[in-house]
Each structure stands twice: as structure tokens, then as C-alpha cells.
């Protein structure tokens, strides 16, 4: 795919609030409600796991606001880990490589087939050049929520098949 900037075409206030609303504000609101319940009920050893993307620290052409919102989510994870640590609430993040999702629908200049081809080309240099399966992500979330991860907080666990090497 040749480089096409959609920033001026698609970067409008509504799109900004939509993407940041889902990828950042929702995580903040859920964390706030979850934390309130945990503290009020005296729960010890609770865990929050945010789901980010390798786009939180790498440029992914055509999805500027998505990348920025995921970078904000990663920093939210670190700040919440610090703030909630005294309440014994762990907060971590997993940053995922390419998965077959509907993100291409956010960009009117790219089709589903073009998106898949672009992503496959992008991950071709990965150690494991394949799309991430949802079970690989959910297994890590389960681990981070378990007592086996009791000393892990404020971390960004990257599941990318070697994409960022």
C-alpha cells in the first residue's frame, strides 16, 4: 500500500471523541467504578488489565488517532498502577500485534482486503509472521489476573510475535 495521509481527511472532532472515548475514556471510567467497588468491599489483590496495541509505540499508517489513543491507554495503565498500588490493585496492559478486526472500517480509504494485505506485509518480518489469535491474548489476561502475577503491576506486556524486535 502506498503512503496515504488521511489526517486532514478524517481527523475531525467526532472521530477524535469516538476513538478516544472507546480506547481511553472507557478504560478510565471502568477503572474508576471497579476501584470504588474493590475498595468499598475490602477486596485484596484485584487486577485491571487494559488491552492496547503495538500501535501505542509504533506508527501504523492510516490510523493516527487509534495509535495516539493506545499510547494514552498505556500511560493510563502506568499511572493507575502507581495510584492504586496502595489499595493492592494491580494494573497492567497487554499490547497486541495484528489481529483480524474491523479497524479498517475507521479508514474510508482502505478496504478490508487492502488492510489484511497491508498487515500481513507489515508482520512478514516478525519472528512469527501470523495474525494473533484471540486466545493468545485472553490467556495472558487470565495470567495477569491470577495470583501467579501478584508482583506484576504497571507493565506493558507485548504479544507481537517478535514484531517490535
N, C-alpha and C. Protein backbone atom coordinates (compact mmCIF):
# COMPACT_ATOMS: atom_id res chain seq x y z
N UNK A 1 0.84 -1.17 0.00
CA UNK A 1 0.00 0.00 0.00
C UNK A 1 0.88 1.24 0.00
N UNK A 2 0.62 2.16 -0.85
CA UNK A 2 1.41 3.39 -0.86
C UNK A 2 0.95 4.27 0.30
N UNK A 3 1.84 5.14 0.72
CA UNK A 3 1.56 6.01 1.85
C UNK A 3 0.45 6.99 1.49
N UNK A 4 -0.60 6.99 2.30
CA UNK A 4 -1.70 7.93 2.11
C UNK A 4 -2.06 8.55 3.45
N UNK A 5 -1.94 9.85 3.53
CA UNK A 5 -2.31 10.52 4.77
C UNK A 5 -3.80 10.76 4.80
N UNK A 6 -4.44 10.32 5.86
CA UNK A 6 -5.87 10.60 6.00
C UNK A 6 -6.12 11.60 7.12
N UNK A 7 -5.04 12.12 7.70
CA UNK A 7 -5.19 13.02 8.84
C UNK A 7 -6.12 14.18 8.50
N UNK A 8 -5.86 14.88 7.41
CA UNK A 8 -6.67 16.04 7.06
C UNK A 8 -8.06 15.64 6.59
N UNK A 9 -8.19 14.43 6.05
CA UNK A 9 -9.48 13.98 5.54
C UNK A 9 -10.39 13.53 6.68
N UNK A 10 -9.83 12.78 7.62
CA UNK A 10 -10.66 12.09 8.61
C UNK A 10 -10.48 12.54 10.05
N UNK A 11 -9.54 13.40 10.33
CA UNK A 11 -9.27 13.78 11.72
C UNK A 11 -10.21 14.90 12.11
N UNK A 12 -11.40 14.54 12.49
CA UNK A 12 -12.39 15.53 12.91
C UNK A 12 -12.71 15.34 14.38
N UNK A 13 -13.38 16.31 14.95
CA UNK A 13 -13.71 16.27 16.37
C UNK A 13 -14.51 15.02 16.74
N UNK A 14 -15.48 14.67 15.94
CA UNK A 14 -16.31 13.50 16.22
C UNK A 14 -15.51 12.21 16.24
N UNK A 15 -14.61 12.07 15.29
CA UNK A 15 -13.78 10.87 15.23
C UNK A 15 -12.82 10.82 16.41
N UNK A 16 -12.26 11.98 16.77
CA UNK A 16 -11.38 12.04 17.93
C UNK A 16 -12.11 11.55 19.18
N UNK A 17 -13.28 12.11 19.45
CA UNK A 17 -14.02 11.74 20.66
C UNK A 17 -14.49 10.29 20.61
N UNK A 18 -14.80 9.81 19.43
CA UNK A 18 -15.22 8.42 19.30
C UNK A 18 -14.08 7.46 19.63
N UNK A 19 -12.93 7.66 19.01
CA UNK A 19 -11.79 6.76 19.22
C UNK A 19 -11.23 6.88 20.63
N UNK A 20 -11.03 8.10 21.10
CA UNK A 20 -10.52 8.28 22.47
C UNK A 20 -11.57 7.87 23.50
N UNK A 21 -12.83 7.99 23.14
CA UNK A 21 -13.90 7.56 24.05
C UNK A 21 -13.86 6.06 24.29
N UNK A 22 -13.63 5.31 23.24
CA UNK A 22 -13.57 3.84 23.36
C UNK A 22 -12.23 3.40 23.95
N UNK A 23 -11.13 3.91 23.44
CA UNK A 23 -9.81 3.38 23.80
C UNK A 23 -9.20 3.99 25.06
N UNK A 24 -9.69 5.13 25.50
CA UNK A 24 -9.11 5.75 26.70
C UNK A 24 -10.15 6.03 27.77
N UNK A 25 -11.15 6.84 27.43
CA UNK A 25 -12.12 7.26 28.43
C UNK A 25 -12.88 6.08 29.02
N UNK A 26 -13.26 5.12 28.20
CA UNK A 26 -13.98 3.95 28.72
C UNK A 26 -13.13 3.19 29.72
N UNK A 27 -11.84 3.02 29.43
CA UNK A 27 -10.94 2.31 30.35
C UNK A 27 -10.82 3.09 31.66
N UNK A 28 -10.75 4.41 31.58
CA UNK A 28 -10.67 5.24 32.77
C UNK A 28 -11.95 5.12 33.61
N UNK A 29 -13.10 5.19 32.95
CA UNK A 29 -14.37 5.09 33.66
C UNK A 29 -14.57 3.72 34.31
N UNK A 30 -14.23 2.67 33.59
CA UNK A 30 -14.37 1.31 34.15
C UNK A 30 -13.42 1.15 35.34
N UNK A 31 -12.19 1.64 35.20
CA UNK A 31 -11.23 1.54 36.30
C UNK A 31 -11.75 2.28 37.54
N UNK A 32 -12.35 3.42 37.33
CA UNK A 32 -12.89 4.21 38.44
C UNK A 32 -14.00 3.44 39.16
N UNK A 33 -14.94 2.89 38.41
CA UNK A 33 -16.04 2.13 39.02
C UNK A 33 -15.54 0.85 39.68
N UNK A 34 -14.64 0.16 39.02
CA UNK A 34 -14.07 -1.08 39.55
C UNK A 34 -13.34 -0.80 40.86
N UNK A 35 -12.51 0.23 40.86
CA UNK A 35 -11.73 0.58 42.04
C UNK A 35 -12.64 0.93 43.21
N UNK A 36 -13.67 1.68 42.94
CA UNK A 36 -14.62 2.05 44.00
C UNK A 36 -15.22 0.80 44.64
N UNK A 37 -15.65 -0.14 43.81
CA UNK A 37 -16.23 -1.39 44.32
C UNK A 37 -15.23 -2.23 45.10
N UNK A 38 -14.01 -2.30 44.60
CA UNK A 38 -12.97 -3.08 45.27
C UNK A 38 -12.68 -2.50 46.65
N UNK A 39 -12.52 -1.20 46.73
CA UNK A 39 -12.19 -0.55 48.00
C UNK A 39 -13.37 -0.65 48.98
N UNK A 40 -14.57 -0.36 48.49
CA UNK A 40 -15.75 -0.41 49.37
C UNK A 40 -15.99 -1.81 49.92
N UNK A 41 -15.66 -2.84 49.16
CA UNK A 41 -15.91 -4.22 49.58
C UNK A 41 -14.69 -4.89 50.22
N UNK A 42 -13.62 -4.14 50.40
CA UNK A 42 -12.44 -4.68 51.06
C UNK A 42 -11.76 -5.82 50.32
N UNK A 43 -11.85 -5.81 49.02
CA UNK A 43 -11.23 -6.86 48.20
C UNK A 43 -9.73 -6.61 48.12
N UNK A 44 -8.95 -7.65 48.32
CA UNK A 44 -7.49 -7.55 48.28
C UNK A 44 -6.97 -8.33 47.07
N UNK A 45 -6.02 -7.76 46.37
CA UNK A 45 -5.39 -8.46 45.25
C UNK A 45 -6.15 -8.39 43.95
N UNK A 46 -6.90 -7.32 43.73
CA UNK A 46 -7.64 -7.15 42.48
C UNK A 46 -6.69 -6.76 41.35
N UNK A 47 -7.17 -6.91 40.12
CA UNK A 47 -6.32 -6.63 38.96
C UNK A 47 -7.14 -6.04 37.82
N UNK A 48 -6.53 -5.07 37.16
CA UNK A 48 -7.08 -4.46 35.94
C UNK A 48 -6.09 -4.76 34.83
N UNK A 49 -6.59 -5.19 33.68
CA UNK A 49 -5.74 -5.39 32.51
C UNK A 49 -6.34 -4.62 31.35
N UNK A 50 -5.61 -3.64 30.86
CA UNK A 50 -6.01 -2.88 29.69
C UNK A 50 -5.47 -3.56 28.44
N UNK A 51 -6.19 -3.41 27.34
CA UNK A 51 -5.77 -4.01 26.08
C UNK A 51 -5.38 -2.90 25.11
N UNK A 52 -4.10 -2.90 24.75
CA UNK A 52 -3.57 -1.89 23.84
C UNK A 52 -3.11 -2.57 22.54
N UNK A 53 -2.19 -1.93 21.88
CA UNK A 53 -1.73 -2.36 20.57
C UNK A 53 -0.26 -2.01 20.41
N UNK A 54 0.43 -2.70 19.52
CA UNK A 54 1.80 -2.28 19.21
C UNK A 54 1.79 -0.88 18.60
N UNK A 55 0.63 -0.43 18.19
CA UNK A 55 0.47 0.93 17.68
C UNK A 55 0.61 1.98 18.77
N UNK A 56 0.73 1.54 20.04
CA UNK A 56 0.93 2.51 21.11
C UNK A 56 2.35 3.05 21.14
N UNK A 57 3.24 2.40 20.40
CA UNK A 57 4.64 2.87 20.38
C UNK A 57 5.28 2.78 18.99
N UNK A 58 4.46 2.52 18.00
CA UNK A 58 4.93 2.45 16.60
C UNK A 58 3.93 3.15 15.71
N UNK A 59 4.40 3.78 14.68
CA UNK A 59 3.50 4.42 13.72
C UNK A 59 2.83 3.33 12.88
N UNK A 60 1.52 3.36 12.85
CA UNK A 60 0.76 2.48 11.96
C UNK A 60 0.01 3.40 11.00
N UNK A 61 0.47 3.49 9.78
CA UNK A 61 -0.10 4.45 8.82
C UNK A 61 -1.62 4.31 8.67
N UNK A 62 -2.28 5.46 8.62
CA UNK A 62 -3.71 5.49 8.36
C UNK A 62 -4.58 5.46 9.60
N UNK A 63 -4.00 5.24 10.77
CA UNK A 63 -4.81 5.17 11.99
C UNK A 63 -4.17 6.00 13.10
N UNK A 64 -3.89 7.25 12.79
CA UNK A 64 -3.22 8.18 13.70
C UNK A 64 -3.92 8.27 15.05
N UNK A 65 -5.21 8.52 15.07
CA UNK A 65 -5.92 8.69 16.34
C UNK A 65 -5.93 7.39 17.14
N UNK A 66 -6.05 6.27 16.47
CA UNK A 66 -6.00 4.97 17.15
C UNK A 66 -4.67 4.81 17.87
N UNK A 67 -3.57 5.07 17.17
CA UNK A 67 -2.24 4.93 17.78
C UNK A 67 -2.08 5.85 18.97
N UNK A 68 -2.52 7.10 18.83
CA UNK A 68 -2.41 8.06 19.93
C UNK A 68 -3.28 7.65 21.12
N UNK A 69 -4.46 7.12 20.86
CA UNK A 69 -5.33 6.70 21.95
C UNK A 69 -4.75 5.51 22.70
N UNK A 70 -4.09 4.61 21.98
CA UNK A 70 -3.47 3.45 22.63
C UNK A 70 -2.24 3.85 23.42
N UNK A 71 -1.50 4.85 22.96
CA UNK A 71 -0.37 5.38 23.73
C UNK A 71 -0.87 6.00 25.03
N UNK A 72 -1.99 6.71 24.95
CA UNK A 72 -2.60 7.30 26.15
C UNK A 72 -3.04 6.21 27.11
N UNK A 73 -3.59 5.12 26.59
CA UNK A 73 -4.02 4.00 27.43
C UNK A 73 -2.83 3.36 28.14
N UNK A 74 -1.71 3.24 27.45
CA UNK A 74 -0.52 2.66 28.08
C UNK A 74 -0.06 3.54 29.24
N UNK A 75 -0.06 4.85 29.09
CA UNK A 75 0.33 5.73 30.18
C UNK A 75 -0.71 5.71 31.29
N UNK A 76 -1.97 5.61 30.96
CA UNK A 76 -3.02 5.48 31.97
C UNK A 76 -2.75 4.24 32.84
N UNK A 77 -2.34 3.16 32.21
CA UNK A 77 -2.02 1.92 32.93
C UNK A 77 -0.94 2.17 33.97
N UNK A 78 0.12 2.82 33.57
CA UNK A 78 1.23 3.09 34.49
C UNK A 78 0.80 4.02 35.63
N UNK A 79 0.05 5.06 35.31
CA UNK A 79 -0.40 5.99 36.34
C UNK A 79 -1.36 5.32 37.31
N UNK A 80 -2.29 4.52 36.79
CA UNK A 80 -3.22 3.81 37.67
C UNK A 80 -2.49 2.80 38.55
N UNK A 81 -1.48 2.13 38.01
CA UNK A 81 -0.72 1.17 38.81
C UNK A 81 -0.10 1.87 40.01
N UNK A 82 0.42 3.04 39.79
CA UNK A 82 1.03 3.82 40.87
C UNK A 82 -0.03 4.28 41.87
N UNK A 83 -1.11 4.83 41.35
CA UNK A 83 -2.17 5.37 42.20
C UNK A 83 -2.92 4.29 42.99
N UNK A 84 -3.12 3.13 42.39
CA UNK A 84 -3.94 2.09 43.01
C UNK A 84 -3.13 1.06 43.78
N UNK A 85 -1.81 1.10 43.65
CA UNK A 85 -0.95 0.17 44.37
C UNK A 85 -1.21 0.13 45.87
N UNK A 86 -1.35 1.28 46.53
CA UNK A 86 -1.62 1.25 47.97
C UNK A 86 -2.91 0.51 48.34
N UNK A 87 -3.81 0.33 47.37
CA UNK A 87 -5.05 -0.41 47.60
C UNK A 87 -4.92 -1.87 47.18
N UNK A 88 -3.69 -2.28 46.86
CA UNK A 88 -3.38 -3.63 46.41
C UNK A 88 -4.14 -4.01 45.14
N UNK A 89 -4.30 -3.02 44.27
CA UNK A 89 -4.89 -3.25 42.96
C UNK A 89 -3.76 -3.15 41.94
N UNK A 90 -3.55 -4.24 41.20
CA UNK A 90 -2.52 -4.24 40.16
C UNK A 90 -3.16 -3.80 38.85
N UNK A 91 -2.39 -3.05 38.06
CA UNK A 91 -2.87 -2.58 36.77
C UNK A 91 -1.78 -2.84 35.74
N UNK A 92 -2.14 -3.58 34.70
CA UNK A 92 -1.21 -3.90 33.62
C UNK A 92 -1.88 -3.69 32.29
N UNK A 93 -1.09 -3.84 31.26
CA UNK A 93 -1.57 -3.63 29.90
C UNK A 93 -0.97 -4.71 29.01
N UNK A 94 -1.72 -5.17 28.04
CA UNK A 94 -1.14 -6.03 27.01
C UNK A 94 -1.23 -5.28 25.69
N UNK A 95 -0.13 -5.27 24.95
CA UNK A 95 -0.09 -4.61 23.64
C UNK A 95 0.04 -5.69 22.58
N UNK A 96 -0.93 -5.72 21.71
CA UNK A 96 -1.06 -6.82 20.76
C UNK A 96 -0.63 -6.45 19.35
N UNK A 97 -0.18 -7.46 18.63
CA UNK A 97 0.13 -7.31 17.22
C UNK A 97 -1.15 -7.40 16.40
N UNK A 98 -1.01 -7.54 15.12
CA UNK A 98 -2.16 -7.56 14.21
C UNK A 98 -3.11 -8.72 14.52
N UNK A 99 -4.36 -8.36 14.62
CA UNK A 99 -5.45 -9.33 14.73
C UNK A 99 -6.45 -8.97 13.64
N UNK A 100 -7.17 -9.92 13.17
CA UNK A 100 -8.19 -9.62 12.16
C UNK A 100 -9.40 -9.01 12.86
N UNK A 101 -9.48 -7.69 12.80
CA UNK A 101 -10.57 -6.94 13.42
C UNK A 101 -11.21 -6.05 12.37
N UNK A 102 -12.10 -5.19 12.80
CA UNK A 102 -12.78 -4.27 11.89
C UNK A 102 -12.18 -2.87 11.90
N UNK A 103 -10.93 -2.73 12.33
CA UNK A 103 -10.32 -1.39 12.40
C UNK A 103 -10.29 -0.72 11.02
N UNK A 104 -10.21 -1.51 9.98
CA UNK A 104 -10.16 -0.93 8.64
C UNK A 104 -11.41 -0.10 8.34
N UNK A 105 -12.49 -0.36 9.06
CA UNK A 105 -13.72 0.41 8.84
C UNK A 105 -13.58 1.85 9.28
N UNK A 106 -12.58 2.13 10.13
CA UNK A 106 -12.32 3.51 10.59
C UNK A 106 -11.67 4.35 9.51
N UNK A 107 -11.14 3.72 8.50
CA UNK A 107 -10.42 4.42 7.44
C UNK A 107 -11.15 4.20 6.12
N UNK A 108 -11.88 5.20 5.64
CA UNK A 108 -12.65 5.03 4.41
C UNK A 108 -11.78 4.87 3.15
N UNK A 109 -10.47 5.06 3.29
CA UNK A 109 -9.59 4.95 2.13
C UNK A 109 -8.95 3.58 1.99
N UNK A 110 -9.32 2.62 2.86
CA UNK A 110 -8.70 1.30 2.79
C UNK A 110 -9.79 0.22 2.92
N UNK A 111 -9.73 -0.76 2.05
CA UNK A 111 -10.70 -1.85 2.08
C UNK A 111 -10.22 -2.95 3.02
N UNK A 112 -11.12 -3.87 3.33
CA UNK A 112 -10.76 -4.99 4.20
C UNK A 112 -9.62 -5.79 3.60
N UNK A 113 -9.68 -6.08 2.31
CA UNK A 113 -8.62 -6.85 1.66
C UNK A 113 -7.30 -6.11 1.67
N UNK A 114 -7.35 -4.81 1.43
CA UNK A 114 -6.12 -4.00 1.45
C UNK A 114 -5.55 -3.95 2.87
N UNK A 115 -6.43 -3.84 3.86
CA UNK A 115 -5.99 -3.83 5.25
C UNK A 115 -5.28 -5.15 5.59
N UNK A 116 -5.91 -6.27 5.26
CA UNK A 116 -5.31 -7.58 5.56
C UNK A 116 -3.97 -7.74 4.86
N UNK A 117 -3.91 -7.35 3.60
CA UNK A 117 -2.65 -7.47 2.85
C UNK A 117 -1.57 -6.57 3.46
N UNK A 118 -1.96 -5.36 3.86
CA UNK A 118 -1.01 -4.43 4.48
C UNK A 118 -0.49 -4.99 5.80
N UNK A 119 -1.39 -5.51 6.61
CA UNK A 119 -0.98 -6.05 7.91
C UNK A 119 -0.11 -7.29 7.74
N UNK A 120 -0.46 -8.15 6.81
CA UNK A 120 0.37 -9.33 6.57
C UNK A 120 1.76 -8.93 6.10
N UNK A 121 1.83 -7.91 5.24
CA UNK A 121 3.13 -7.43 4.78
C UNK A 121 3.92 -6.83 5.93
N UNK A 122 3.23 -6.11 6.81
CA UNK A 122 3.89 -5.46 7.94
C UNK A 122 4.46 -6.49 8.92
N UNK A 123 3.73 -7.57 9.17
CA UNK A 123 4.20 -8.56 10.14
C UNK A 123 5.06 -9.64 9.50
N UNK A 124 5.28 -9.53 8.20
CA UNK A 124 6.08 -10.54 7.49
C UNK A 124 7.50 -10.64 8.05
N UNK A 125 8.04 -9.56 8.58
CA UNK A 125 9.38 -9.57 9.15
C UNK A 125 9.41 -9.97 10.62
N UNK A 126 8.25 -10.27 11.18
CA UNK A 126 8.19 -10.72 12.57
C UNK A 126 8.84 -12.09 12.69
N UNK A 127 9.25 -12.43 13.89
CA UNK A 127 9.79 -13.76 14.14
C UNK A 127 8.72 -14.81 13.84
N UNK A 128 7.48 -14.51 14.24
CA UNK A 128 6.33 -15.37 13.95
C UNK A 128 5.33 -14.56 13.13
N UNK A 129 5.45 -14.58 11.80
CA UNK A 129 4.62 -13.72 10.94
C UNK A 129 3.21 -14.27 10.73
N UNK A 130 2.38 -14.09 11.74
CA UNK A 130 0.98 -14.52 11.62
C UNK A 130 0.10 -13.58 12.43
N UNK A 131 -1.19 -13.61 12.16
CA UNK A 131 -2.13 -12.83 12.95
C UNK A 131 -2.24 -13.45 14.33
N UNK A 132 -2.40 -12.62 15.33
CA UNK A 132 -2.56 -13.08 16.70
C UNK A 132 -3.95 -13.67 16.87
N UNK A 133 -4.00 -14.80 17.54
CA UNK A 133 -5.28 -15.43 17.85
C UNK A 133 -5.81 -14.84 19.17
N UNK A 134 -7.11 -14.66 19.26
CA UNK A 134 -7.68 -14.06 20.46
C UNK A 134 -7.38 -14.87 21.71
N UNK A 135 -7.25 -16.17 21.60
CA UNK A 135 -6.96 -16.99 22.78
C UNK A 135 -5.57 -16.69 23.34
N UNK A 136 -4.64 -16.28 22.48
CA UNK A 136 -3.30 -15.93 22.96
C UNK A 136 -3.36 -14.67 23.84
N UNK A 137 -4.22 -13.76 23.48
CA UNK A 137 -4.40 -12.55 24.28
C UNK A 137 -5.16 -12.87 25.57
N UNK A 138 -6.23 -13.63 25.46
CA UNK A 138 -7.04 -13.92 26.66
C UNK A 138 -6.27 -14.75 27.67
N UNK A 139 -5.39 -15.64 27.22
CA UNK A 139 -4.58 -16.42 28.16
C UNK A 139 -3.66 -15.52 28.98
N UNK A 140 -3.10 -14.49 28.36
CA UNK A 140 -2.25 -13.56 29.09
C UNK A 140 -3.06 -12.73 30.08
N UNK A 141 -4.26 -12.33 29.68
CA UNK A 141 -5.14 -11.58 30.59
C UNK A 141 -5.45 -12.43 31.82
N UNK A 142 -5.79 -13.69 31.60
CA UNK A 142 -6.09 -14.59 32.72
C UNK A 142 -4.89 -14.73 33.65
N UNK A 143 -3.70 -14.86 33.07
CA UNK A 143 -2.49 -14.97 33.89
C UNK A 143 -2.29 -13.70 34.72
N UNK A 144 -2.40 -12.54 34.09
CA UNK A 144 -2.18 -11.28 34.80
C UNK A 144 -3.21 -11.04 35.91
N UNK A 145 -4.38 -11.63 35.77
CA UNK A 145 -5.40 -11.50 36.81
C UNK A 145 -5.23 -12.54 37.92
N UNK A 146 -4.38 -13.50 37.70
CA UNK A 146 -4.21 -14.57 38.69
C UNK A 146 -3.22 -14.19 39.78
N UNK A 147 -3.22 -14.98 40.84
CA UNK A 147 -2.29 -14.75 41.95
C UNK A 147 -0.85 -15.04 41.54
N UNK A 148 -0.65 -15.77 40.45
CA UNK A 148 0.71 -16.04 39.95
C UNK A 148 1.41 -14.77 39.49
N UNK A 149 0.64 -13.74 39.20
CA UNK A 149 1.20 -12.47 38.73
C UNK A 149 1.12 -11.39 39.82
N UNK A 150 1.14 -11.82 41.07
CA UNK A 150 0.94 -10.91 42.20
C UNK A 150 1.95 -9.77 42.27
N UNK A 151 3.12 -9.93 41.72
CA UNK A 151 4.14 -8.88 41.77
C UNK A 151 4.29 -8.13 40.45
N UNK A 152 3.36 -8.33 39.54
CA UNK A 152 3.43 -7.64 38.24
C UNK A 152 2.40 -6.52 38.24
N UNK A 153 2.88 -5.29 38.13
CA UNK A 153 1.98 -4.14 38.03
C UNK A 153 2.68 -3.02 37.26
N UNK A 154 1.88 -2.25 36.55
CA UNK A 154 2.40 -1.13 35.77
C UNK A 154 3.14 -1.54 34.52
N UNK A 155 2.96 -2.77 34.09
CA UNK A 155 3.73 -3.29 32.97
C UNK A 155 2.92 -3.32 31.67
N UNK A 156 3.63 -3.21 30.59
CA UNK A 156 3.06 -3.37 29.25
C UNK A 156 3.63 -4.67 28.70
N UNK A 157 2.81 -5.69 28.62
CA UNK A 157 3.23 -6.98 28.11
C UNK A 157 2.94 -7.00 26.61
N UNK A 158 3.98 -7.12 25.83
CA UNK A 158 3.84 -7.07 24.37
C UNK A 158 3.71 -8.49 23.82
N UNK A 159 2.62 -8.72 23.09
CA UNK A 159 2.39 -10.01 22.44
C UNK A 159 2.36 -9.72 20.94
N UNK A 160 3.54 -9.85 20.32
CA UNK A 160 3.65 -9.40 18.93
C UNK A 160 4.39 -10.34 18.00
N UNK A 161 4.70 -11.53 18.47
CA UNK A 161 5.40 -12.47 17.60
C UNK A 161 6.76 -11.97 17.14
N UNK A 162 7.36 -11.07 17.91
CA UNK A 162 8.66 -10.52 17.54
C UNK A 162 8.57 -9.35 16.58
N UNK A 163 7.41 -8.76 16.43
CA UNK A 163 7.20 -7.64 15.50
C UNK A 163 8.06 -6.42 15.85
N UNK A 164 8.22 -6.13 17.14
CA UNK A 164 8.93 -4.91 17.54
C UNK A 164 10.42 -5.13 17.71
N UNK A 165 10.93 -6.32 17.42
CA UNK A 165 12.38 -6.56 17.57
C UNK A 165 13.18 -5.76 16.55
